[in-house]
Each structure stands twice: as structure tokens, then as C-alpha cells.
């Protein structure tokens, strides 16, 4: 196996492929890594934690020596909340850039935290642009931080974080990035995109299993975060300081998940790192989107905003199309897709990440074609109004 290939194995015992934004289909090696028990205080496990943290920081490229990694127990949302609470001072104000459910969740989190914020809501179809951010920052000097979603998986939009970063720092503010569904497959090198902290999760593009997230932040920001957090268990500074002092997590770590994640990180490196993983996912997307369009399905987004993580399709207007039935028939054929999360139109999503390659994506298209035939759906075209709205917003 060379540095730019990966071995894709079928799921065991007839398990379906997870065409979701995580949890996702994992390799045998990742699953097998969880068969051993580890002591959370043991030196071997502390070495695993240290290795994991250093590998993640190294993925930032040149300039990564100024950053450190803080793993945090729980789902990805736990780590997002931890980042927001720890790096946005209690007297600070955030500008939240939203174009889907996860930007809105960041805003909701700040409401719970009692932090001041303003919201730029772009709806489901379009990304926030640098000129819009620059204008808001110029008009509101109280804003200290900007919160951006790298890949908005409710729609599949890949947001222009480099463009956003440029205007944020030109205005003398700070950027926090939710790269939950992008980190590991889409570059976020600190020499090209400036930010104070980013957050991701074990069960996304690095192809581990659920159980923890991680915050990668500038060391000086970690130092300055002391006392900001509202929470004992989600305090990033406290977790970081304790890990650096003892090598241990403050509270019971997900030992098996860490072991699996280390195996996933090794496979990620063998595949060619971020570039190699991104190439496979991009090919997955291109093959799947092309095939689905040949069946008559239409994507929510214009091509230039399609991410290689997950793609949203409009539901067909044909009265014989019922999503729940489509879902069950696709599952019977070995593929679990994802419901839509849009408010204006009916939709569904197909993930491109996990232990899948272009050959599997062709099987997905074949399964979709067979399912439409079984349902008696004559056309996969969406409502005309949905296409008109997409065209209007894209112009």
C-alpha cells in the first residue's frame, strides 16, 4: 500500500454502509482496536493520549507549534459548547455566521451561555461572504469574535473560511471555527487560514467512532481562557492544564474510542493525510452526484458550493415518492441515507465520507434507481418552485 491509496472493505455480516456525516462506516482495524481494555491512569494510555494530541496538531502544518490539542469527552456538540464558552469572554460578543442548522445551534448555545451575539443568517442555499462579515464588523465595534461553520452539513455547503478569516483579522477580531465535519479531509492549515481555535470530532473525516471531540487552539488563547467557562466538565483551559500536568484526562476518558481513533489516524496518514482523504471523498461526491442527476435528482446547491462531505438533494415532486419508504428500501439494499434538515423544502442527504470509494458510490446510485422503480416514481425531479428559488439565490 502506498501513501495515496486506502483499502476499502465491505461492512461485516451484511451491515449497511452509513451514508451520513458521522457516525460513519469504519474499517475493520478501527473496530478491532476497541477489543482491548485500557486503564485510564496507566502510562500506556497516557502515551496514547499524548500521541493522539500531537498527531492532530501536526495536521495544521507550518505554524502548528503555536497550537495545542485538547480532547473533550462527549459528542461534537459538547466540544463546540466547550470552545464557545472557553474562548468567548463573558463580556465578549460574537458574530455567528449561519447557513443551516449548525450555525443556528451555535447561536442557541450562546443563548444558553448568556453570551452576547449577533446573527448573520444566510438561509439554506448560500454561504456567508467576506464582504458581508466586514460590513457587520465595521458597524458593530463590540463584536470581539466571529463563529464560522467550515462545512454546514444540514445543506452540504462548504463555507469560504479563508475569505472570512481575512476580513475578521483585518478588522482586528478573532475567529472560532466549527470544523466538525470537515477537519481531516479539507485543509485548515494555519499558514493559510488564521483562527484562534477550531473544533472537530472523532467520528467524522478521520473515520473513528463517536465518544469525544477535540479543540485545537493557540496556546496563548488557552492560557487566556482560564475562568471563562460556565461549566466544570466543559472547561477547555482546565482540561488542557490538567493534561499537560499529569498526562491524564480530568474525568473518565473514552479509552476504547481513543484506541480506535489512533488506529484511524494511522490509516489517515497512510492514505496521504488531508490531501489523500480529501481526494477520495471528492471523487465519491462527483461520482454519486453525477449518477443521481442522471436519475433526475437535483442538488440543493450550485456546484461551486458542494462539499465533498455530504450532498443535499431535493425530494421528487412525484406523489409516489415518500421519503420514509425510500429510506427503508435503500437500507434493505445496504445503504443508510440521512433525512433532510431544511425548513423550506423536503430534502434528503447522502454522505460521501467514511470507508467508501467511488465503486460503492456507483452502487448507491444503482440502489436509488432500483428503489425509484419499486416505488413507481416516474420522475425524480423536484418541485419547480424549489429550482426557481435555487436559481434566484445563485444569481
Protein backbone atom coordinates (compact mmCIF):
# COMPACT_ATOMS: atom_id res chain seq x y z
CA UNK A 1 0.00 0.00 0.00
CA UNK A 2 1.48 3.35 -0.97
CA UNK A 3 0.92 6.72 0.66
CA UNK A 4 -2.01 7.64 -1.56
CA UNK A 5 -4.21 4.53 -1.53
CA UNK A 6 -6.52 3.04 1.02
CA UNK A 7 -8.12 -0.35 1.26
CA UNK A 8 -11.91 -0.19 1.39
CA UNK A 9 -13.55 -3.26 2.89
CA UNK A 10 -17.27 -4.10 2.89
CA UNK A 11 -19.11 -3.93 6.23
CA UNK A 12 -19.29 -7.20 8.12
CA UNK A 13 -22.28 -9.50 8.41
CA UNK A 14 -24.41 -7.57 5.96
CA UNK A 15 -24.15 -4.29 7.87
CA UNK A 16 -25.26 -1.32 5.74
CA UNK A 17 -22.99 1.49 4.69
CA UNK A 18 -23.65 4.70 6.63
CA UNK A 19 -24.03 7.50 4.11
CA UNK A 20 -24.18 10.07 6.88
CA UNK A 21 -21.95 12.87 8.18
CA UNK A 22 -20.87 10.70 11.14
CA UNK A 23 -21.12 8.26 12.75
CA UNK A 24 -19.88 6.64 9.59
CA UNK A 25 -18.67 3.30 8.26
CA UNK A 26 -15.33 2.44 9.86
CA UNK A 27 -12.59 -0.04 8.94
CA UNK A 28 -12.09 -3.46 10.49
CA UNK A 29 -8.86 -2.23 12.06
CA UNK A 30 -10.65 0.65 13.81
CA UNK A 31 -13.30 -1.73 15.17
CA UNK A 32 -10.71 -4.27 16.28
CA UNK A 33 -8.75 -1.62 18.17
CA UNK A 34 -11.64 -1.46 20.66
CA UNK A 35 -11.29 -5.11 21.70
CA UNK A 36 -8.67 -4.33 24.35
CA UNK A 37 -9.35 -2.64 27.70
CA UNK A 38 -7.17 0.22 28.86
CA UNK A 39 -6.59 1.74 32.28
CA UNK A 40 -7.30 5.44 32.16
CA UNK A 41 -4.44 6.26 34.54
CA UNK A 42 -1.99 3.78 33.05
CA UNK A 43 1.18 5.01 31.40
CA UNK A 44 0.36 3.25 28.14
CA UNK A 45 -2.95 5.07 27.82
CA UNK A 46 -1.36 8.39 28.74
CA UNK A 47 1.12 7.79 25.93
CA UNK A 48 -1.80 7.13 23.56
CA UNK A 49 -3.40 10.43 24.54
CA UNK A 50 -0.11 12.27 24.03
CA UNK A 51 0.41 10.66 20.61
CA UNK A 52 -3.14 11.50 19.52
CA UNK A 53 -2.81 15.14 20.54
CA UNK A 54 0.49 15.62 18.74
CA UNK A 55 -0.77 13.94 15.55
CA UNK A 56 -3.81 16.22 15.43
CA UNK A 57 -1.79 19.39 15.95
CA UNK A 58 0.65 18.34 13.23
CA UNK A 59 -2.24 18.34 10.74
CA UNK A 60 -2.28 22.17 10.95
CA UNK A 61 1.02 22.35 9.04
CA UNK A 62 3.57 25.15 9.34
CA UNK A 63 2.93 27.24 12.44
CA UNK A 64 1.34 24.38 14.36
CA UNK A 65 3.90 24.73 17.16
CA UNK A 66 1.85 27.67 18.46
CA UNK A 67 -1.20 25.40 18.95
CA UNK A 68 -2.20 22.58 21.26
CA UNK A 69 -4.95 19.98 21.21
CA UNK A 70 -7.48 19.41 23.99
CA UNK A 71 -9.70 16.32 23.62
CA UNK A 72 -13.10 16.57 25.31
CA UNK A 73 -15.44 13.74 26.25
CA UNK A 74 -18.90 13.60 24.66
CA UNK A 75 -20.41 14.33 21.27
CA UNK A 76 -19.16 17.01 18.91
CA UNK A 77 -21.71 19.46 20.26
CA UNK A 78 -20.13 19.11 23.71
CA UNK A 79 -16.84 20.31 22.24
CA UNK A 80 -18.48 23.16 20.32
CA UNK A 81 -20.07 24.39 23.53
CA UNK A 82 -16.75 23.98 25.34
CA UNK A 83 -14.96 26.07 22.70
CA UNK A 84 -17.55 28.84 22.71
CA UNK A 85 -17.72 29.03 26.50
CA UNK A 86 -13.97 28.94 26.97
CA UNK A 87 -12.74 31.32 24.27
CA UNK A 88 -15.51 33.91 24.16
CA UNK A 89 -15.08 36.02 27.31
CA UNK A 90 -18.20 36.63 29.36
CA UNK A 91 -18.09 40.31 28.37
CA UNK A 92 -17.34 39.50 24.71
CA UNK A 93 -19.72 39.47 21.76
CA UNK A 94 -19.83 37.01 18.89
CA UNK A 95 -20.96 37.29 15.29
CA UNK A 96 -22.38 33.89 14.36
CA UNK A 97 -22.37 33.05 10.65
CA UNK A 98 -25.23 30.67 9.95
CA UNK A 99 -26.48 28.98 6.80
CA UNK A 100 -28.05 25.90 8.29
CA UNK A 101 -28.79 24.00 11.47
CA UNK A 102 -25.30 24.02 12.95
CA UNK A 103 -24.77 27.75 12.72
CA UNK A 104 -28.16 28.16 14.36
CA UNK A 105 -27.13 25.66 17.04
CA UNK A 106 -24.06 27.77 17.79
CA UNK A 107 -26.33 30.77 18.29
CA UNK A 108 -28.62 28.72 20.52
CA UNK A 109 -25.61 27.61 22.55
CA UNK A 110 -24.59 31.23 23.12
CA UNK A 111 -28.13 31.96 24.29
CA UNK A 112 -27.81 29.19 26.89
CA UNK A 113 -24.41 30.54 27.91
CA UNK A 114 -25.73 34.07 28.30
CA UNK A 115 -23.13 35.42 25.88
CA UNK A 116 -23.93 38.40 23.69
CA UNK A 117 -24.08 37.70 19.96
CA UNK A 118 -25.47 38.85 16.65
CA UNK A 119 -26.54 36.51 13.87
CA UNK A 120 -25.98 36.58 10.12
CA UNK A 121 -28.47 34.01 8.81
CA UNK A 122 -27.98 33.22 5.10
CA UNK A 123 -30.71 30.60 4.92
CA UNK A 124 -30.16 27.16 3.37
CA UNK A 125 -28.67 27.93 -0.04
CA UNK A 126 -25.79 30.39 0.28
CA UNK A 127 -22.56 30.86 2.26
CA UNK A 128 -21.67 33.95 4.27
CA UNK A 129 -19.23 36.07 2.28
CA UNK A 130 -16.29 38.12 3.42
CA UNK A 131 -17.71 41.48 2.39
CA UNK A 132 -20.83 40.84 4.48
CA UNK A 133 -18.76 39.97 7.53
CA UNK A 134 -16.56 43.03 7.03
CA UNK A 135 -19.59 45.30 6.90
CA UNK A 136 -21.11 43.89 10.11
CA UNK A 137 -17.79 44.18 11.95
CA UNK A 138 -17.36 47.78 10.80
CA UNK A 139 -20.84 48.65 12.05
CA UNK A 140 -20.52 46.92 15.45
CA UNK A 141 -17.22 47.50 17.27
CA UNK A 142 -18.50 45.49 20.26
CA UNK A 143 -18.06 42.23 18.33
CA UNK A 144 -14.90 40.52 19.55
CA UNK A 145 -15.22 37.09 17.91
CA UNK A 146 -16.66 35.55 14.76
CA UNK A 147 -18.00 31.98 14.76
CA UNK A 148 -17.94 30.18 11.40
CA UNK A 149 -19.04 26.71 10.32
CA UNK A 150 -16.48 25.14 7.99
CA UNK A 151 -18.89 22.69 6.35
CA UNK A 152 -22.60 23.16 7.07
CA UNK A 153 -23.80 19.57 6.88
CA UNK A 154 -27.51 20.37 7.05
CA UNK A 155 -27.18 21.64 3.47
CA UNK A 156 -23.73 20.41 2.43
CA UNK A 157 -22.31 23.91 1.90
CA UNK A 158 -18.54 24.27 2.15
CA UNK A 159 -18.12 27.77 3.55
CA UNK A 160 -15.26 30.08 2.44
CA UNK A 161 -13.37 30.19 5.76
CA UNK A 162 -10.17 31.59 4.24
CA UNK A 163 -12.07 34.57 2.85
CA UNK A 164 -13.89 35.04 6.16
CA UNK A 165 -10.64 34.80 8.13
CA UNK A 166 -9.00 37.55 6.08
CA UNK A 167 -11.70 40.10 6.86
CA UNK A 168 -12.00 39.06 10.52
CA UNK A 169 -8.33 39.73 11.24
CA UNK A 170 -8.22 42.80 9.03
CA UNK A 171 -10.86 44.18 11.40
CA UNK A 172 -8.83 43.18 14.47
CA UNK A 173 -11.23 40.46 15.66
CA UNK A 174 -10.82 36.74 16.38
CA UNK A 175 -12.17 33.69 14.57
CA UNK A 176 -13.50 30.42 16.03
CA UNK A 177 -14.19 27.62 13.51
CA UNK A 178 -16.55 24.69 13.84
CA UNK A 179 -14.79 22.24 11.51
CA UNK A 180 -16.72 19.30 12.86
CA UNK A 181 -17.46 17.64 9.52
CA UNK A 182 -14.51 18.95 7.51
CA UNK A 183 -11.30 18.59 9.52
CA UNK A 184 -9.16 15.77 8.21
CA UNK A 185 -10.41 15.97 4.62
CA UNK A 186 -10.44 19.70 3.87
CA UNK A 187 -7.27 21.72 4.63
CA UNK A 188 -7.30 24.07 7.60
CA UNK A 189 -3.62 24.96 7.66
CA UNK A 190 -2.79 27.84 9.99
CA UNK A 191 -0.35 29.31 7.47
CA UNK A 192 -3.30 29.88 5.11
CA UNK A 193 -6.31 30.34 7.39
CA UNK A 194 -5.88 32.33 10.59
CA UNK A 195 -8.01 31.40 13.61
CA UNK A 196 -7.75 31.19 17.38
CA UNK A 197 -9.42 27.82 17.83
CA UNK A 198 -11.22 25.10 15.88
CA UNK A 199 -13.24 22.09 16.91
CA UNK A 200 -13.90 18.68 15.39
CA UNK A 201 -14.88 15.16 16.41
CA UNK A 202 -13.54 11.60 16.40
CA UNK A 203 -16.33 10.17 14.23
CA UNK A 204 -16.02 12.38 11.17
CA UNK A 205 -13.40 12.63 8.41
CA UNK A 206 -10.67 10.85 10.37
CA UNK A 207 -13.06 7.86 10.45
CA UNK A 208 -13.04 6.99 14.12
CA UNK A 209 -16.07 6.21 16.29
CA UNK A 210 -18.19 8.53 18.46
CA UNK A 211 -17.17 9.36 22.00
CA UNK A 212 -15.10 12.54 22.08
CA UNK A 213 -14.38 15.75 20.24
CA UNK A 214 -11.28 17.90 20.28
CA UNK A 215 -10.41 21.57 20.35
CA UNK A 216 -7.19 22.76 18.71
CA UNK A 217 -6.31 26.26 19.84
CA UNK A 218 -3.47 28.72 20.16
CA UNK A 219 -1.56 28.18 23.36
CA UNK A 220 -1.87 31.82 24.37
CA UNK A 221 -5.65 31.61 23.87
CA UNK A 222 -5.73 28.50 26.05
CA UNK A 223 -3.87 30.40 28.77
CA UNK A 224 -6.25 33.35 28.48
CA UNK A 225 -9.31 31.10 28.67
CA UNK A 226 -8.88 30.44 32.39
CA UNK A 227 -12.06 31.34 34.23
CA UNK A 228 -14.21 31.92 31.15
CA UNK A 229 -16.16 28.68 31.15
CA UNK A 230 -19.58 28.29 32.74
CA UNK A 231 -19.01 24.57 33.22
CA UNK A 232 -16.70 22.39 35.27
CA UNK A 233 -16.72 19.46 32.84
CA UNK A 234 -16.56 21.55 29.63
CA UNK A 235 -13.77 23.89 30.74
CA UNK A 236 -11.17 23.69 27.96
CA UNK A 237 -8.49 25.51 29.96
CA UNK A 238 -8.91 23.19 32.95
CA UNK A 239 -8.78 20.08 30.75
CA UNK A 240 -5.69 21.39 28.95
CA UNK A 241 -3.84 22.36 32.14
CA UNK A 242 -4.60 19.01 33.77
CA UNK A 243 -3.49 17.02 30.72
CA UNK A 244 -0.25 18.95 30.43
CA UNK A 245 0.49 18.46 34.14
CA UNK A 246 -0.49 14.80 34.55
CA UNK A 247 -0.92 13.34 31.07
CA UNK A 248 -4.41 12.27 32.13
CA UNK A 249 -7.94 13.34 31.29
CA UNK A 250 -9.68 15.08 34.20
CA UNK A 251 -12.63 12.68 34.14
CA UNK A 252 -13.07 9.12 32.85
CA UNK A 253 -11.89 9.07 29.23
CA UNK A 254 -13.48 7.01 26.44
CA UNK A 255 -10.48 4.66 26.36
CA UNK A 256 -11.73 2.34 23.63
CA UNK A 257 -12.69 5.29 21.44
CA UNK A 258 -9.20 6.79 21.81
CA UNK A 259 -7.62 3.46 20.82
CA UNK A 260 -9.86 3.29 17.76
CA UNK A 261 -9.10 6.90 16.86
CA UNK A 262 -5.35 6.31 16.96
CA UNK A 263 -5.79 3.46 14.51
CA UNK A 264 -7.88 5.77 12.32
CA UNK A 265 -5.17 8.44 12.47
CA UNK A 266 -2.57 5.92 11.31
CA UNK A 267 -4.76 4.94 8.35
CA UNK A 268 -5.34 8.62 7.59
CA UNK A 269 -1.59 9.16 7.36
CA UNK A 270 -1.13 6.11 5.10
CA UNK A 271 -3.83 7.40 2.75
CA UNK A 272 -1.93 10.63 2.25
CA UNK A 273 -3.23 12.76 5.10
CA UNK A 274 -5.73 15.54 4.50
CA UNK A 275 -4.98 15.69 0.77
CA UNK A 276 -5.39 11.96 0.22
CA UNK A 277 -8.56 11.70 2.26
CA UNK A 278 -9.99 14.75 0.53
CA UNK A 279 -9.30 13.29 -2.91
CA UNK A 280 -11.22 10.12 -2.15
CA UNK A 281 -14.19 11.99 -0.71
CA UNK A 282 -14.25 14.41 -3.65
CA UNK A 283 -14.29 11.50 -6.10
CA UNK A 284 -17.08 9.88 -4.05
CA UNK A 285 -19.12 13.07 -4.35
CA UNK A 286 -18.51 13.56 -8.06
CA UNK A 287 -19.45 10.00 -8.99
CA UNK A 288 -22.53 9.97 -6.77
CA UNK A 289 -23.83 13.41 -7.79
CA UNK A 290 -23.36 12.65 -11.48
CA UNK A 291 -25.27 9.40 -11.16
CA UNK A 292 -28.09 10.87 -9.09
CA UNK A 293 -28.51 13.72 -11.57
CA UNK A 294 -28.78 11.18 -14.39
CA UNK A 295 -31.72 9.70 -12.46
CA UNK A 296 -33.35 13.15 -12.37
CA UNK A 297 -32.46 14.19 -8.82
CA UNK A 298 -31.40 17.81 -8.28
CA UNK A 299 -28.91 19.08 -5.71
CA UNK A 300 -29.86 21.87 -3.35
CA UNK A 301 -26.63 23.71 -4.11
CA UNK A 302 -24.84 25.11 -7.10
CA UNK A 303 -21.73 23.09 -7.98
CA UNK A 304 -19.27 25.62 -6.58
CA UNK A 305 -20.65 25.25 -3.05
CA UNK A 306 -20.97 21.45 -2.99
CA UNK A 307 -18.78 19.98 -0.28
CA UNK A 308 -17.12 16.54 -0.53
CA UNK A 309 -18.66 15.69 2.84
CA UNK A 310 -22.40 15.39 2.27
CA UNK A 311 -24.81 16.40 -0.51
CA UNK A 312 -28.43 17.52 -0.13
CA UNK A 313 -30.96 16.51 -2.78
CA UNK A 314 -34.50 17.81 -3.25
CA UNK A 315 -37.19 15.19 -2.77
CA UNK A 316 -39.04 14.38 -6.01
CA UNK A 317 -42.42 16.02 -6.53
CA UNK A 318 -43.85 12.71 -7.83
CA UNK A 319 -46.73 11.76 -5.46
CA UNK A 320 -45.42 8.17 -5.29
CA UNK A 321 -42.22 9.37 -3.63
CA UNK A 322 -42.42 9.05 0.15
CA UNK A 323 -39.10 9.60 1.89
CA UNK A 324 -39.67 7.09 4.70
CA UNK A 325 -40.33 4.36 2.13
CA UNK A 326 -37.33 5.46 0.05
CA UNK A 327 -35.17 5.29 3.19
CA UNK A 328 -36.30 1.78 4.12
CA UNK A 329 -35.82 0.40 0.61
CA UNK A 330 -32.34 1.93 0.40
CA UNK A 331 -31.50 0.41 3.79
CA UNK A 332 -32.63 -3.02 2.56
CA UNK A 333 -30.15 -2.61 -0.28
CA UNK A 334 -27.33 -1.85 2.15
CA UNK A 335 -27.28 1.96 2.36
CA UNK A 336 -28.44 4.20 5.21
CA UNK A 337 -29.00 7.75 3.98
CA UNK A 338 -29.85 10.83 6.02
CA UNK A 339 -33.08 12.81 6.29
CA UNK A 340 -33.09 16.42 5.17
CA UNK A 341 -32.74 19.24 7.68
CA UNK A 342 -34.06 22.14 5.63
CA UNK A 343 -37.05 24.23 6.64
CA UNK A 344 -38.34 25.42 3.25
CA UNK A 345 -38.37 22.27 1.10
CA UNK A 346 -38.39 18.50 1.51
CA UNK A 347 -34.94 17.01 1.04
CA UNK A 348 -32.60 14.18 1.92
CA UNK A 349 -28.85 13.88 2.24
CA UNK A 350 -26.22 11.43 1.05
CA UNK A 351 -22.84 11.38 2.78
CA UNK A 352 -19.56 10.94 0.93
CA UNK A 353 -17.32 10.17 3.91
CA UNK A 354 -16.29 7.02 5.73
CA UNK A 355 -14.95 3.71 4.44
CA UNK A 356 -16.37 4.11 0.93
CA UNK A 357 -14.93 4.69 -2.52
CA UNK A 358 -16.27 5.53 -5.96
CA UNK A 359 -17.23 1.91 -6.66
CA UNK A 360 -19.51 1.91 -3.64
CA UNK A 361 -20.98 5.25 -4.68
CA UNK A 362 -21.94 3.73 -8.03
CA UNK A 363 -23.75 1.02 -6.09
CA UNK A 364 -25.60 3.76 -4.21
CA UNK A 365 -26.84 5.22 -7.48
CA UNK A 366 -27.93 1.79 -8.71
CA UNK A 367 -29.80 1.21 -5.44
CA UNK A 368 -31.54 4.59 -5.80
CA UNK A 369 -32.58 3.75 -9.36
CA UNK A 370 -33.99 0.39 -8.32
CA UNK A 371 -35.79 1.97 -5.36
CA UNK A 372 -37.49 4.59 -7.53
CA UNK A 373 -38.72 1.82 -9.82
CA UNK A 374 -40.07 -0.19 -6.88
CA UNK A 375 -41.92 2.88 -5.61
CA UNK A 376 -43.39 3.63 -9.02
CA UNK A 377 -41.72 7.05 -9.17
CA UNK A 378 -41.73 8.13 -12.81
CA UNK A 379 -39.56 11.22 -12.30
CA UNK A 380 -37.08 12.28 -9.60
CA UNK A 381 -37.44 15.96 -10.49
CA UNK A 382 -38.20 18.28 -7.56
CA UNK A 383 -40.96 20.90 -7.40
CA UNK A 384 -40.42 23.69 -9.94
CA UNK A 385 -40.56 26.24 -7.12
CA UNK A 386 -37.51 24.68 -5.47
CA UNK A 387 -35.46 25.03 -8.66
CA UNK A 388 -36.67 28.60 -9.16
CA UNK A 389 -35.63 29.51 -5.62
CA UNK A 390 -32.19 27.93 -6.12
CA UNK A 391 -31.68 29.79 -9.40
CA UNK A 392 -32.78 33.10 -7.90
CA UNK A 393 -30.43 32.86 -4.94
CA UNK A 394 -27.50 31.64 -7.01
CA UNK A 395 -27.75 34.55 -9.46
